[in-house]
Structure formats: structure tokens, C-alpha cells
Amino acid sequence: MDLTEFNEIRPYNDEELPQIFEELIADPAFQKAATGAIPNVPFELLAQKMRA
């Protein structure tokens, strides 16, 4: 079995997360979803927590 055929659906490795978080933070759809889900938390505070 070739495990690389599942690369698109595998969980992220820890070292990949900072880049993934930056991509999410920059995504307007994510920003809208996050502010809709937790309206009392400023998005920049959420972004800071994701970067920590």
C-alpha cells in the first residue's frame, strides 16, 4: 500500500501547523467564520493565540 496516496487527507504534523495557522489567519472566510462563532473575541486576539 502506498501511504502517500492519502497525503491530502492526513493530519498535519506539528511542524506544519504554524504555516497552516498563518494561511487560516489570512483567509477572509476563516476570519468571517471565526468572528461569527466567537463575536466577543476580537479576531486579532484569536490570531495572537494561534501564533503562540
C-alpha atoms as a PDB file:
ATOM      1  CA  MET A   1       0.000   0.000   0.000  1.00  0.00           C
ATOM      2  CA  ASP A   2       1.314   3.442  -0.932  1.00  0.00           C
ATOM      3  CA  LEU A   3       0.579   5.698   2.056  1.00  0.00           C
ATOM      4  CA  THR A   4       1.409   8.848   0.075  1.00  0.00           C
ATOM      5  CA  GLU A   5      -1.897   8.466  -1.741  1.00  0.00           C
ATOM      6  CA  PHE A   6      -3.551   9.711   1.477  1.00  0.00           C
ATOM      7  CA  ASN A   7      -1.391  12.844   1.894  1.00  0.00           C
ATOM      8  CA  GLU A   8      -4.303  15.146   1.088  1.00  0.00           C
ATOM      9  CA  ILE A   9      -6.413  13.851   3.983  1.00  0.00           C
ATOM     10  CA  ARG A  10      -3.759  13.064   6.604  1.00  0.00           C
ATOM     11  CA  PRO A  11      -3.483  15.064   9.829  1.00  0.00           C
ATOM     12  CA  TYR A  12      -0.934  17.863   9.892  1.00  0.00           C
ATOM     13  CA  ASN A  13       2.416  17.336  11.582  1.00  0.00           C
ATOM     14  CA  ASP A  14       3.330  19.705  14.414  1.00  0.00           C
ATOM     15  CA  GLU A  15       5.972  21.444  12.313  1.00  0.00           C
ATOM     16  CA  GLU A  16       3.379  22.212   9.624  1.00  0.00           C
ATOM     17  CA  LEU A  17       0.945  23.965  11.949  1.00  0.00           C
ATOM     18  CA  PRO A  18       2.477  27.472  12.048  1.00  0.00           C
ATOM     19  CA  GLN A  19       2.176  27.778   8.255  1.00  0.00           C
ATOM     20  CA  ILE A  20      -1.355  26.367   8.273  1.00  0.00           C
ATOM     21  CA  PHE A  21      -2.383  28.811  11.017  1.00  0.00           C
ATOM     22  CA  GLU A  22      -0.966  31.734   9.010  1.00  0.00           C
ATOM     23  CA  GLU A  23      -2.934  30.605   5.957  1.00  0.00           C
ATOM     24  CA  LEU A  24      -6.112  30.435   8.047  1.00  0.00           C
ATOM     25  CA  ILE A  25      -5.494  33.836   9.635  1.00  0.00           C
ATOM     26  CA  ALA A  26      -5.097  35.380   6.168  1.00  0.00           C
ATOM     27  CA  ASP A  27      -8.259  33.733   4.812  1.00  0.00           C
ATOM     28  CA  PRO A  28     -11.251  36.147   4.783  1.00  0.00           C
ATOM     29  CA  ALA A  29     -13.698  33.230   5.000  1.00  0.00           C
ATOM     30  CA  PHE A  30     -11.981  31.973   8.159  1.00  0.00           C
ATOM     31  CA  GLN A  31     -11.992  35.469   9.631  1.00  0.00           C
ATOM     32  CA  LYS A  32     -15.716  35.763   8.980  1.00  0.00           C
ATOM     33  CA  ALA A  33     -16.455  32.312  10.406  1.00  0.00           C
ATOM     34  CA  ALA A  34     -14.335  32.929  13.498  1.00  0.00           C
ATOM     35  CA  THR A  35     -15.868  36.310  14.263  1.00  0.00           C
ATOM     36  CA  GLY A  36     -19.329  34.835  13.734  1.00  0.00           C
ATOM     37  CA  ALA A  37     -18.624  31.869  16.016  1.00  0.00           C
ATOM     38  CA  ILE A  38     -16.997  33.923  18.782  1.00  0.00           C
ATOM     39  CA  PRO A  39     -18.198  37.504  18.304  1.00  0.00           C
ATOM     40  CA  ASN A  40     -16.990  38.721  21.710  1.00  0.00           C
ATOM     41  CA  VAL A  41     -13.342  37.914  20.937  1.00  0.00           C
ATOM     42  CA  PRO A  42     -11.516  40.273  18.577  1.00  0.00           C
ATOM     43  CA  PHE A  43     -10.072  38.396  15.622  1.00  0.00           C
ATOM     44  CA  GLU A  44      -6.586  39.784  16.270  1.00  0.00           C
ATOM     45  CA  LEU A  45      -6.625  38.231  19.751  1.00  0.00           C
ATOM     46  CA  LEU A  46      -7.550  34.877  18.234  1.00  0.00           C
ATOM     47  CA  ALA A  47      -4.734  35.266  15.690  1.00  0.00           C
ATOM     48  CA  GLN A  48      -2.263  36.008  18.504  1.00  0.00           C
ATOM     49  CA  LYS A  49      -3.353  32.848  20.339  1.00  0.00           C
ATOM     50  CA  MET A  50      -2.992  30.787  17.174  1.00  0.00           C
ATOM     51  CA  ARG A  51       0.540  32.109  16.715  1.00  0.00           C
ATOM     52  CA  ALA A  52       1.560  31.380  20.321  1.00  0.00           C
END
